[in-house]
Amino acid sequence: MAKITYIEHGGKEHTVNVANGLTVMEGARDNNIPGIEADCGGACACSTCHVYVHPDWVEKLPAKDDMEEDMLDFAFEPDADRSRLTCQVKVTDALDGLIVQMPEKQI
């Protein structure tokens, strides 16, 4: 289990426990955290679960695969270093303390 902090665009923080094996997107969905829409349900077929990873965590996450890189091209104001699709980040104990911030909007 990992404690993950989701920060809305306006600054409101939500810190929740997310079970190992779920994705960061599922953690947001299961805890009713606004700002992550997840229209495709986690199939990496949209960019509506886009977040900016806190700079301290960028290098700690597994690398993006080609499909995630391609989908991030459709996200709102993607950042080459910090943008991730939360449906592609699996929760493990190593993610305890992860901080992600939602963009102004999801597209």
PDB file of N, CA and C in Angstrom:
ATOM      1  N   MET A   1       0.846  -1.177   0.000  1.00  0.00           N
ATOM      2  CA  MET A   1       0.000   0.000   0.000  1.00  0.00           C
ATOM      3  C   MET A   1       0.888   1.234   0.000  1.00  0.00           C
ATOM      4  N   ALA A   2       0.440   2.242  -0.726  1.00  0.00           N
ATOM      5  CA  ALA A   2       1.197   3.487  -0.802  1.00  0.00           C
ATOM      6  C   ALA A   2       0.281   4.664  -0.493  1.00  0.00           C
ATOM      7  N   LYS A   3       0.811   5.631   0.211  1.00  0.00           N
ATOM      8  CA  LYS A   3       0.099   6.880   0.460  1.00  0.00           C
ATOM      9  C   LYS A   3       0.445   7.811  -0.687  1.00  0.00           C
ATOM     10  N   ILE A   4      -0.577   8.241  -1.424  1.00  0.00           N
ATOM     11  CA  ILE A   4      -0.377   9.096  -2.590  1.00  0.00           C
ATOM     12  C   ILE A   4      -1.132  10.396  -2.376  1.00  0.00           C
ATOM     13  N   THR A   5      -0.483  11.501  -2.712  1.00  0.00           N
ATOM     14  CA  THR A   5      -1.110  12.811  -2.616  1.00  0.00           C
ATOM     15  C   THR A   5      -1.434  13.301  -4.023  1.00  0.00           C
ATOM     16  N   TYR A   6      -2.709  13.579  -4.231  1.00  0.00           N
ATOM     17  CA  TYR A   6      -3.210  14.135  -5.485  1.00  0.00           C
ATOM     18  C   TYR A   6      -3.528  15.600  -5.213  1.00  0.00           C
ATOM     19  N   ILE A   7      -3.011  16.486  -6.042  1.00  0.00           N
ATOM     20  CA  ILE A   7      -3.238  17.916  -5.849  1.00  0.00           C
ATOM     21  C   ILE A   7      -4.060  18.432  -7.029  1.00  0.00           C
ATOM     22  N   GLU A   8      -5.226  18.963  -6.702  1.00  0.00           N
ATOM     23  CA  GLU A   8      -6.072  19.554  -7.746  1.00  0.00           C
ATOM     24  C   GLU A   8      -5.381  20.782  -8.324  1.00  0.00           C
ATOM     25  N   HIS A   9      -5.798  21.182  -9.513  1.00  0.00           N
ATOM     26  CA  HIS A   9      -5.192  22.354 -10.159  1.00  0.00           C
ATOM     27  C   HIS A   9      -5.251  23.589  -9.251  1.00  0.00           C
ATOM     28  N   GLY A  10      -6.320  23.732  -8.515  1.00  0.00           N
ATOM     29  CA  GLY A  10      -6.484  24.883  -7.621  1.00  0.00           C
ATOM     30  C   GLY A  10      -5.698  24.781  -6.327  1.00  0.00           C
ATOM     31  N   GLY A  11      -5.041  23.641  -6.081  1.00  0.00           N
ATOM     32  CA  GLY A  11      -4.191  23.499  -4.923  1.00  0.00           C
ATOM     33  C   GLY A  11      -4.720  22.601  -3.811  1.00  0.00           C
ATOM     34  N   LYS A  12      -5.990  22.195  -3.879  1.00  0.00           N
ATOM     35  CA  LYS A  12      -6.539  21.322  -2.833  1.00  0.00           C
ATOM     36  C   LYS A  12      -5.878  19.957  -2.896  1.00  0.00           C
ATOM     37  N   GLU A  13      -5.401  19.475  -1.741  1.00  0.00           N
ATOM     38  CA  GLU A  13      -4.692  18.198  -1.667  1.00  0.00           C
ATOM     39  C   GLU A  13      -5.597  17.098  -1.136  1.00  0.00           C
ATOM     40  N   HIS A  14      -5.412  15.909  -1.690  1.00  0.00           N
ATOM     41  CA  HIS A  14      -6.104  14.708  -1.244  1.00  0.00           C
ATOM     42  C   HIS A  14      -5.033  13.639  -1.045  1.00  0.00           C
ATOM     43  N   THR A  15      -4.814  13.208   0.181  1.00  0.00           N
ATOM     44  CA  THR A  15      -3.841  12.157   0.452  1.00  0.00           C
ATOM     45  C   THR A  15      -4.610  10.907   0.850  1.00  0.00           C
ATOM     46  N   VAL A  16      -4.386   9.839   0.088  1.00  0.00           N
ATOM     47  CA  VAL A  16      -5.129   8.595   0.300  1.00  0.00           C
ATOM     48  C   VAL A  16      -4.191   7.403   0.225  1.00  0.00           C
ATOM     49  N   ASN A  17      -4.614   6.300   0.804  1.00  0.00           N
ATOM     50  CA  ASN A  17      -3.892   5.042   0.682  1.00  0.00           C
ATOM     51  C   ASN A  17      -4.419   4.306  -0.539  1.00  0.00           C
ATOM     52  N   VAL A  18      -3.501   3.794  -1.350  1.00  0.00           N
ATOM     53  CA  VAL A  18      -3.873   3.062  -2.559  1.00  0.00           C
ATOM     54  C   VAL A  18      -3.207   1.688  -2.490  1.00  0.00           C
ATOM     55  N   ALA A  19      -3.991   0.661  -2.719  1.00  0.00           N
ATOM     56  CA  ALA A  19      -3.494  -0.712  -2.611  1.00  0.00           C
ATOM     57  C   ALA A  19      -2.509  -1.033  -3.730  1.00  0.00           C
ATOM     58  N   ASN A  20      -1.514  -1.823  -3.384  1.00  0.00           N
ATOM     59  CA  ASN A  20      -0.566  -2.310  -4.386  1.00  0.00           C
ATOM     60  C   ASN A  20      -1.319  -3.068  -5.478  1.00  0.00           C
ATOM     61  N   GLY A  21      -0.842  -2.914  -6.704  1.00  0.00           N
ATOM     62  CA  GLY A  21      -1.444  -3.589  -7.844  1.00  0.00           C
ATOM     63  C   GLY A  21      -2.438  -2.733  -8.588  1.00  0.00           C
ATOM     64  N   LEU A  22      -3.017  -1.750  -7.921  1.00  0.00           N
ATOM     65  CA  LEU A  22      -3.888  -0.807  -8.609  1.00  0.00           C
ATOM     66  C   LEU A  22      -3.008   0.197  -9.350  1.00  0.00           C
ATOM     67  N   THR A  23      -3.619   0.997 -10.193  1.00  0.00           N
ATOM     68  CA  THR A  23      -2.885   2.091 -10.820  1.00  0.00           C
ATOM     69  C   THR A  23      -3.161   3.377 -10.034  1.00  0.00           C
ATOM     70  N   VAL A  24      -2.337   4.376 -10.273  1.00  0.00           N
ATOM     71  CA  VAL A  24      -2.547   5.677  -9.640  1.00  0.00           C
ATOM     72  C   VAL A  24      -3.903   6.235 -10.060  1.00  0.00           C
ATOM     73  N   MET A  25      -4.328   5.964 -11.299  1.00  0.00           N
ATOM     74  CA  MET A  25      -5.644   6.385 -11.777  1.00  0.00           C
ATOM     75  C   MET A  25      -6.755   5.702 -11.000  1.00  0.00           C
ATOM     76  N   GLU A  26      -6.627   4.398 -10.772  1.00  0.00           N
ATOM     77  CA  GLU A  26      -7.655   3.674 -10.014  1.00  0.00           C
ATOM     78  C   GLU A  26      -7.732   4.184  -8.579  1.00  0.00           C
ATOM     79  N   GLY A  27      -6.598   4.565  -8.018  1.00  0.00           N
ATOM     80  CA  GLY A  27      -6.595   5.147  -6.680  1.00  0.00           C
ATOM     81  C   GLY A  27      -7.397   6.436  -6.627  1.00  0.00           C
ATOM     82  N   ALA A  28      -7.254   7.263  -7.654  1.00  0.00           N
ATOM     83  CA  ALA A  28      -8.028   8.510  -7.721  1.00  0.00           C
ATOM     84  C   ALA A  28      -9.512   8.210  -7.908  1.00  0.00           C
ATOM     85  N   ARG A  29      -9.802   7.311  -8.826  1.00  0.00           N
ATOM     86  CA  ARG A  29     -11.205   6.950  -9.102  1.00  0.00           C
ATOM     87  C   ARG A  29     -11.879   6.369  -7.859  1.00  0.00           C
ATOM     88  N   ASP A  30     -11.218   5.440  -7.205  1.00  0.00           N
ATOM     89  CA  ASP A  30     -11.802   4.751  -6.051  1.00  0.00           C
ATOM     90  C   ASP A  30     -11.984   5.665  -4.846  1.00  0.00           C
ATOM     91  N   ASN A  31     -11.256   6.770  -4.824  1.00  0.00           N
ATOM     92  CA  ASN A  31     -11.341   7.721  -3.717  1.00  0.00           C
ATOM     93  C   ASN A  31     -12.051   9.014  -4.104  1.00  0.00           C
ATOM     94  N   ASN A  32     -12.728   8.996  -5.260  1.00  0.00           N
ATOM     95  CA  ASN A  32     -13.530  10.142  -5.719  1.00  0.00           C
ATOM     96  C   ASN A  32     -12.739  11.443  -5.760  1.00  0.00           C
ATOM     97  N   ILE A  33     -11.516  11.356  -6.261  1.00  0.00           N
ATOM     98  CA  ILE A  33     -10.665  12.544  -6.351  1.00  0.00           C
ATOM     99  C   ILE A  33     -10.965  13.253  -7.673  1.00  0.00           C
ATOM    100  N   PRO A  34     -11.376  14.514  -7.600  1.00  0.00           N
ATOM    101  CA  PRO A  34     -11.680  15.240  -8.835  1.00  0.00           C
ATOM    102  C   PRO A  34     -10.418  15.584  -9.619  1.00  0.00           C
ATOM    103  N   GLY A  35     -10.582  15.696 -10.943  1.00  0.00           N
ATOM    104  CA  GLY A  35      -9.474  16.133 -11.789  1.00  0.00           C
ATOM    105  C   GLY A  35      -8.864  15.038 -12.626  1.00  0.00           C
ATOM    106  N   ILE A  36      -9.204  13.788 -12.339  1.00  0.00           N
ATOM    107  CA  ILE A  36      -8.770  12.665 -13.172  1.00  0.00           C
ATOM    108  C   ILE A  36     -10.030  11.997 -13.692  1.00  0.00           C
ATOM    109  N   GLU A  37     -10.295  12.170 -14.981  1.00  0.00           N
ATOM    110  CA  GLU A  37     -11.546  11.691 -15.563  1.00  0.00           C
ATOM    111  C   GLU A  37     -11.488  10.227 -15.982  1.00  0.00           C
ATOM    112  N   ALA A  38     -10.367   9.797 -16.531  1.00  0.00           N
ATOM    113  CA  ALA A  38     -10.178   8.394 -16.922  1.00  0.00           C
ATOM    114  C   ALA A  38     -11.275   7.893 -17.851  1.00  0.00           C
ATOM    115  N   ASP A  39     -11.523   8.629 -18.914  1.00  0.00           N
ATOM    116  CA  ASP A  39     -12.599   8.289 -19.843  1.00  0.00           C
ATOM    117  C   ASP A  39     -12.467   6.894 -20.447  1.00  0.00           C
ATOM    118  N   CYS A  40     -11.260   6.421 -20.692  1.00  0.00           N
ATOM    119  CA  CYS A  40     -11.078   5.118 -21.336  1.00  0.00           C
ATOM    120  C   CYS A  40     -10.994   3.978 -20.331  1.00  0.00           C
ATOM    121  N   GLY A  41     -11.085   4.294 -19.048  1.00  0.00           N
ATOM    122  CA  GLY A  41     -11.073   3.267 -18.023  1.00  0.00           C
ATOM    123  C   GLY A  41      -9.722   2.628 -17.773  1.00  0.00           C
ATOM    124  N   GLY A  42      -8.666   3.239 -18.270  1.00  0.00           N
ATOM    125  CA  GLY A  42      -7.328   2.716 -18.007  1.00  0.00           C
ATOM    126  C   GLY A  42      -6.700   1.959 -19.157  1.00  0.00           C
ATOM    127  N   ALA A  43      -7.271   2.091 -20.348  1.00  0.00           N
ATOM    128  CA  ALA A  43      -6.760   1.365 -21.517  1.00  0.00           C
ATOM    129  C   ALA A  43      -5.662   2.109 -22.266  1.00  0.00           C
ATOM    130  N   CYS A  44      -5.231   3.239 -21.753  1.00  0.00           N
ATOM    131  CA  CYS A  44      -4.226   4.077 -22.415  1.00  0.00           C
ATOM    132  C   CYS A  44      -4.689   4.461 -23.820  1.00  0.00           C
ATOM    133  N   ALA A  45      -5.975   4.823 -23.900  1.00  0.00           N
ATOM    134  CA  ALA A  45      -6.562   5.204 -25.184  1.00  0.00           C
ATOM    135  C   ALA A  45      -7.054   6.647 -25.173  1.00  0.00           C
ATOM    136  N   CYS A  46      -6.706   7.392 -24.135  1.00  0.00           N
ATOM    137  CA  CYS A  46      -7.045   8.811 -24.054  1.00  0.00           C
ATOM    138  C   CYS A  46      -5.981   9.469 -23.175  1.00  0.00           C
ATOM    139  N   SER A  47      -6.159  10.728 -22.877  1.00  0.00           N
ATOM    140  CA  SER A  47      -5.187  11.400 -22.004  1.00  0.00           C
ATOM    141  C   SER A  47      -5.875  12.054 -20.815  1.00  0.00           C
ATOM    142  N   THR A  48      -7.055  11.535 -20.440  1.00  0.00           N
ATOM    143  CA  THR A  48      -7.840  12.196 -19.396  1.00  0.00           C
ATOM    144  C   THR A  48      -7.471  11.784 -17.979  1.00  0.00           C
ATOM    145  N   CYS A  49      -6.340  11.111 -17.823  1.00  0.00           N
ATOM    146  CA  CYS A  49      -5.825  10.813 -16.480  1.00  0.00           C
ATOM    147  C   CYS A  49      -4.418  11.401 -16.323  1.00  0.00           C
ATOM    148  N   HIS A  50      -4.152  12.413 -17.117  1.00  0.00           N
ATOM    149  CA  HIS A  50      -2.856  13.087 -17.145  1.00  0.00           C
ATOM    150  C   HIS A  50      -2.591  13.822 -15.829  1.00  0.00           C
ATOM    151  N   VAL A  51      -1.362  13.715 -15.344  1.00  0.00           N
ATOM    152  CA  VAL A  51      -0.907  14.472 -14.168  1.00  0.00           C
ATOM    153  C   VAL A  51       0.523  14.928 -14.383  1.00  0.00           C
ATOM    154  N   TYR A  52       0.938  15.860 -13.540  1.00  0.00           N
ATOM    155  CA  TYR A  52       2.336  16.271 -13.453  1.00  0.00           C
ATOM    156  C   TYR A  52       2.903  15.642 -12.185  1.00  0.00           C
ATOM    157  N   VAL A  53       3.933  14.850 -12.329  1.00  0.00           N
ATOM    158  CA  VAL A  53       4.581  14.204 -11.198  1.00  0.00           C
ATOM    159  C   VAL A  53       5.490  15.215 -10.506  1.00  0.00           C
ATOM    160  N   HIS A  54       5.456  15.210  -9.181  1.00  0.00           N
ATOM    161  CA  HIS A  54       6.335  16.093  -8.412  1.00  0.00           C
ATOM    162  C   HIS A  54       7.783  15.846  -8.849  1.00  0.00           C
ATOM    163  N   PRO A  55       8.589  16.898  -8.997  1.00  0.00           N
ATOM    164  CA  PRO A  55       9.967  16.734  -9.473  1.00  0.00           C
ATOM    165  C   PRO A  55      10.787  15.699  -8.700  1.00  0.00           C
ATOM    166  N   ASP A  56      10.540  15.563  -7.406  1.00  0.00           N
ATOM    167  CA  ASP A  56      11.279  14.579  -6.609  1.00  0.00           C
ATOM    168  C   ASP A  56      10.982  13.142  -7.006  1.00  0.00           C
ATOM    169  N   TRP A  57       9.890  12.927  -7.728  1.00  0.00           N
ATOM    170  CA  TRP A  57       9.450  11.574  -8.065  1.00  0.00           C
ATOM    171  C   TRP A  57       9.687  11.185  -9.517  1.00  0.00           C
ATOM    172  N   VAL A  58      10.031  12.126 -10.356  1.00  0.00           N
ATOM    173  CA  VAL A  58      10.169  11.845 -11.792  1.00  0.00           C
ATOM    174  C   VAL A  58      11.103  10.670 -12.061  1.00  0.00           C
ATOM    175  N   GLU A  59      12.254  10.664 -11.444  1.00  0.00           N
ATOM    176  CA  GLU A  59      13.248   9.618 -11.699  1.00  0.00           C
ATOM    177  C   GLU A  59      12.951   8.308 -10.958  1.00  0.00           C
ATOM    178  N   LYS A  60      12.025   8.338 -10.024  1.00  0.00           N
ATOM    179  CA  LYS A  60      11.705   7.151  -9.234  1.00  0.00           C
ATOM    180  C   LYS A  60      10.653   6.267  -9.892  1.00  0.00           C
ATOM    181  N   LEU A  61       9.940   6.808 -10.874  1.00  0.00           N
ATOM    182  CA  LEU A  61       8.884   6.041 -11.542  1.00  0.00           C
ATOM    183  C   LEU A  61       9.452   5.231 -12.697  1.00  0.00           C
ATOM    184  N   PRO A  62       8.804   4.115 -13.027  1.00  0.00           N
ATOM    185  CA  PRO A  62       9.228   3.373 -14.221  1.00  0.00           C
ATOM    186  C   PRO A  62       9.114   4.268 -15.459  1.00  0.00           C
ATOM    187  N   ALA A  63       9.931   4.000 -16.438  1.00  0.00           N
ATOM    188  CA  ALA A  63       9.931   4.799 -17.670  1.00  0.00           C
ATOM    189  C   ALA A  63       8.603   4.670 -18.411  1.00  0.00           C
ATOM    190  N   LYS A  64       8.265   5.706 -19.164  1.00  0.00           N
ATOM    191  CA  LYS A  64       7.078   5.678 -20.018  1.00  0.00           C
ATOM    192  C   LYS A  64       7.340   4.740 -21.189  1.00  0.00           C
ATOM    193  N   ASP A  65       6.324   3.988 -21.583  1.00  0.00           N
ATOM    194  CA  ASP A  65       6.473   3.194 -22.803  1.00  0.00           C
ATOM    195  C   ASP A  65       6.009   4.031 -23.993  1.00  0.00           C
ATOM    196  N   ASP A  66       6.179   3.506 -25.191  1.00  0.00           N
ATOM    197  CA  ASP A  66       5.863   4.255 -26.409  1.00  0.00           C
ATOM    198  C   ASP A  66       4.398   4.656 -26.485  1.00  0.00           C
ATOM    199  N   MET A  67       3.501   3.765 -26.048  1.00  0.00           N
ATOM    200  CA  MET A  67       2.072   4.065 -26.113  1.00  0.00           C
ATOM    201  C   MET A  67       1.723   5.242 -25.203  1.00  0.00           C
ATOM    202  N   GLU A  68       2.274   5.262 -23.997  1.00  0.00           N
ATOM    203  CA  GLU A  68       2.022   6.382 -23.097  1.00  0.00           C
ATOM    204  C   GLU A  68       2.592   7.673 -23.669  1.00  0.00           C
ATOM    205  N   GLU A  69       3.796   7.611 -24.209  1.00  0.00           N
ATOM    206  CA  GLU A  69       4.396   8.795 -24.847  1.00  0.00           C
ATOM    207  C   GLU A  69       3.481   9.344 -25.939  1.00  0.00           C
ATOM    208  N   ASP A  70       2.952   8.449 -26.770  1.00  0.00           N
ATOM    209  CA  ASP A  70       2.067   8.870 -27.863  1.00  0.00           C
ATOM    210  C   ASP A  70       0.788   9.525 -27.338  1.00  0.00           C
ATOM    211  N   MET A  71       0.190   8.936 -26.312  1.00  0.00           N
ATOM    212  CA  MET A  71      -1.058   9.485 -25.770  1.00  0.00           C
ATOM    213  C   MET A  71      -0.834  10.818 -25.072  1.00  0.00           C
ATOM    214  N   LEU A  72       0.327  11.020 -24.491  1.00  0.00           N
ATOM    215  CA  LEU A  72       0.606  12.291 -23.823  1.00  0.00           C
ATOM    216  C   LEU A  72       0.634  13.456 -24.813  1.00  0.00           C
ATOM    217  N   ASP A  73       0.837  13.163 -26.100  1.00  0.00           N
ATOM    218  CA  ASP A  73       0.767  14.218 -27.110  1.00  0.00           C
ATOM    219  C   ASP A  73      -0.611  14.868 -27.159  1.00  0.00           C
ATOM    220  N   PHE A  74      -1.634  14.151 -26.690  1.00  0.00           N
ATOM    221  CA  PHE A  74      -3.005  14.656 -26.721  1.00  0.00           C
ATOM    222  C   PHE A  74      -3.413  15.318 -25.403  1.00  0.00           C
ATOM    223  N   ALA A  75      -2.567  15.281 -24.401  1.00  0.00           N
ATOM    224  CA  ALA A  75      -2.881  15.851 -23.088  1.00  0.00           C
ATOM    225  C   ALA A  75      -2.823  17.372 -23.123  1.00  0.00           C
ATOM    226  N   PHE A  76      -3.479  17.985 -22.149  1.00  0.00           N
ATOM    227  CA  PHE A  76      -3.458  19.438 -22.010  1.00  0.00           C
ATOM    228  C   PHE A  76      -2.113  19.865 -21.441  1.00  0.00           C
ATOM    229  N   GLU A  77      -1.393  20.665 -22.187  1.00  0.00           N
ATOM    230  CA  GLU A  77      -0.098  21.231 -21.782  1.00  0.00           C
ATOM    231  C   GLU A  77       0.838  20.194 -21.148  1.00  0.00           C
ATOM    232  N   PRO A  78       1.197  19.157 -21.916  1.00  0.00           N
ATOM    233  CA  PRO A  78       2.102  18.145 -21.364  1.00  0.00           C
ATOM    234  C   PRO A  78       3.494  18.714 -21.114  1.00  0.00           C
ATOM    235  N   ASP A  79       4.136  18.174 -20.098  1.00  0.00           N
ATOM    236  CA  ASP A  79       5.505  18.530 -19.755  1.00  0.00           C
ATOM    237  C   ASP A  79       6.368  17.312 -20.092  1.00  0.00           C
ATOM    238  N   ALA A  80       7.372  17.492 -20.900  1.00  0.00           N
ATOM    239  CA  ALA A  80       8.184  16.364 -21.379  1.00  0.00           C
ATOM    240  C   ALA A  80       8.773  15.532 -20.245  1.00  0.00           C
ATOM    241  N   ASP A  81       9.090  16.161 -19.126  1.00  0.00           N
ATOM    242  CA  ASP A  81       9.705  15.441 -18.014  1.00  0.00           C
ATOM    243  C   ASP A  81       8.705  14.954 -16.975  1.00  0.00           C
ATOM    244  N   ARG A  82       7.713  15.778 -16.658  1.00  0.00           N
ATOM    245  CA  ARG A  82       6.855  15.504 -15.499  1.00  0.00           C
ATOM    246  C   ARG A  82       5.506  14.883 -15.826  1.00  0.00           C
ATOM    247  N   SER A  83       5.059  14.932 -17.070  1.00  0.00           N
ATOM    248  CA  SER A  83       3.734  14.414 -17.409  1.00  0.00           C
ATOM    249  C   SER A  83       3.708  12.895 -17.430  1.00  0.00           C
ATOM    250  N   ARG A  84       2.657  12.350 -16.835  1.00  0.00           N
ATOM    251  CA  ARG A  84       2.415  10.900 -16.866  1.00  0.00           C
ATOM    252  C   ARG A  84       0.919  10.659 -16.997  1.00  0.00           C
ATOM    253  N   LEU A  85       0.569   9.501 -17.545  1.00  0.00           N
ATOM    254  CA  LEU A  85      -0.805   9.035 -17.514  1.00  0.00           C
ATOM    255  C   LEU A  85      -0.915   8.106 -16.318  1.00  0.00           C
ATOM    256  N   THR A  86      -1.811   8.439 -15.403  1.00  0.00           N
ATOM    257  CA  THR A  86      -1.890   7.686 -14.152  1.00  0.00           C
ATOM    258  C   THR A  86      -2.371   6.257 -14.360  1.00  0.00           C
ATOM    259  N   CYS A  87      -3.000   5.979 -15.487  1.00  0.00           N
ATOM    260  CA  CYS A  87      -3.430   4.598 -15.760  1.00  0.00           C
ATOM    261  C   CYS A  87      -2.245   3.686 -16.060  1.00  0.00           C
ATOM    262  N   GLN A  88      -1.088   4.269 -16.309  1.00  0.00           N
ATOM    263  CA  GLN A  88       0.088   3.493 -16.666  1.00  0.00           C
ATOM    264  C   GLN A  88       1.097   3.356 -15.520  1.00  0.00           C
ATOM    265  N   VAL A  89       0.747   3.868 -14.350  1.00  0.00           N
ATOM    266  CA  VAL A  89       1.652   3.807 -13.209  1.00  0.00           C
ATOM    267  C   VAL A  89       1.045   2.871 -12.160  1.00  0.00           C
ATOM    268  N   LYS A  90       1.636   1.690 -12.011  1.00  0.00           N
ATOM    269  CA  LYS A  90       1.177   0.697 -11.034  1.00  0.00           C
ATOM    270  C   LYS A  90       1.684   1.054  -9.640  1.00  0.00           C
ATOM    271  N   VAL A  91       0.812   0.904  -8.677  1.00  0.00           N
ATOM    272  CA  VAL A  91       1.154   1.206  -7.292  1.00  0.00           C
ATOM    273  C   VAL A  91       1.909   0.036  -6.665  1.00  0.00           C
ATOM    274  N   THR A  92       3.019   0.372  -6.017  1.00  0.00           N
ATOM    275  CA  THR A  92       3.809  -0.560  -5.213  1.00  0.00           C
ATOM    276  C   THR A  92       4.210   0.177  -3.943  1.00  0.00           C
ATOM    277  N   ASP A  93       4.803  -0.542  -3.004  1.00  0.00           N
ATOM    278  CA  ASP A  93       5.298   0.105  -1.791  1.00  0.00           C
ATOM    279  C   ASP A  93       6.306   1.206  -2.109  1.00  0.00           C
ATOM    280  N   ALA A  94       7.011   1.063  -3.223  1.00  0.00           N
ATOM    281  CA  ALA A  94       8.025   2.046  -3.611  1.00  0.00           C
ATOM    282  C   ALA A  94       7.417   3.410  -3.947  1.00  0.00           C
ATOM    283  N   LEU A  95       6.103   3.458  -4.181  1.00  0.00           N
ATOM    284  CA  LEU A  95       5.450   4.731  -4.498  1.00  0.00           C
ATOM    285  C   LEU A  95       4.908   5.438  -3.267  1.00  0.00           C
ATOM    286  N   ASP A  96       5.170   4.900  -2.082  1.00  0.00           N
ATOM    287  CA  ASP A  96       4.684   5.539  -0.862  1.00  0.00           C
ATOM    288  C   ASP A  96       5.227   6.961  -0.777  1.00  0.00           C
ATOM    289  N   GLY A  97       4.315   7.932  -0.719  1.00  0.00           N
ATOM    290  CA  GLY A  97       4.701   9.342  -0.663  1.00  0.00           C
ATOM    291  C   GLY A  97       4.615  10.059  -2.005  1.00  0.00           C
ATOM    292  N   LEU A  98       4.223   9.347  -3.067  1.00  0.00           N
ATOM    293  CA  LEU A  98       4.122   9.959  -4.395  1.00  0.00           C
ATOM    294  C   LEU A  98       3.200  11.169  -4.356  1.00  0.00           C
ATOM    295  N   ILE A  99       3.591  12.208  -5.093  1.00  0.00           N
ATOM    296  CA  ILE A  99       2.796  13.428  -5.204  1.00  0.00           C
ATOM    297  C   ILE A  99       2.581  13.708  -6.693  1.00  0.00           C
ATOM    298  N   VAL A 100       1.295  13.882  -7.058  1.00  0.00           N
ATOM    299  CA  VAL A 100       0.960  14.235  -8.440  1.00  0.00           C
ATOM    300  C   VAL A 100       0.009  15.419  -8.424  1.00  0.00           C
ATOM    301  N   GLN A 101       0.113  16.245  -9.466  1.00  0.00           N
ATOM    302  CA  GLN A 101      -0.754  17.413  -9.584  1.00  0.00           C
ATOM    303  C   GLN A 101      -1.515  17.339 -10.891  1.00  0.00           C
ATOM    304  N   MET A 102      -2.814  17.634 -10.814  1.00  0.00           N
ATOM    305  CA  MET A 102      -3.642  17.610 -11.997  1.00  0.00           C
ATOM    306  C   MET A 102      -3.455  18.886 -12.815  1.00  0.00           C
ATOM    307  N   PRO A 103      -3.576  18.763 -14.132  1.00  0.00           N
ATOM    308  CA  PRO A 103      -3.506  19.963 -14.975  1.00  0.00           C
ATOM    309  C   PRO A 103      -4.787  20.782 -14.824  1.00  0.00           C
ATOM    310  N   GLU A 104      -4.804  21.945 -15.457  1.00  0.00           N
ATOM    311  CA  GLU A 104      -5.976  22.809 -15.399  1.00  0.00           C
ATOM    312  C   GLU A 104      -7.232  22.108 -15.895  1.00  0.00           C
ATOM    313  N   LYS A 105      -7.055  21.265 -16.927  1.00  0.00           N
ATOM    314  CA  LYS A 105      -8.199  20.502 -17.461  1.00  0.00           C
ATOM    315  C   LYS A 105      -7.679  19.241 -18.126  1.00  0.00           C
ATOM    316  N   GLN A 106      -8.583  18.311 -18.342  1.00  0.00           N
ATOM    317  CA  GLN A 106      -8.254  17.073 -19.069  1.00  0.00           C
ATOM    318  C   GLN A 106      -8.911  17.172 -20.439  1.00  0.00           C
ATOM    319  N   ILE A 107      -8.189  16.726 -21.466  1.00  0.00           N
ATOM    320  CA  ILE A 107      -8.773  16.729 -22.818  1.00  0.00           C
ATOM    321  C   ILE A 107      -8.534  15.389 -23.486  1.00  0.00           C
TER     322      ILE A 107
END
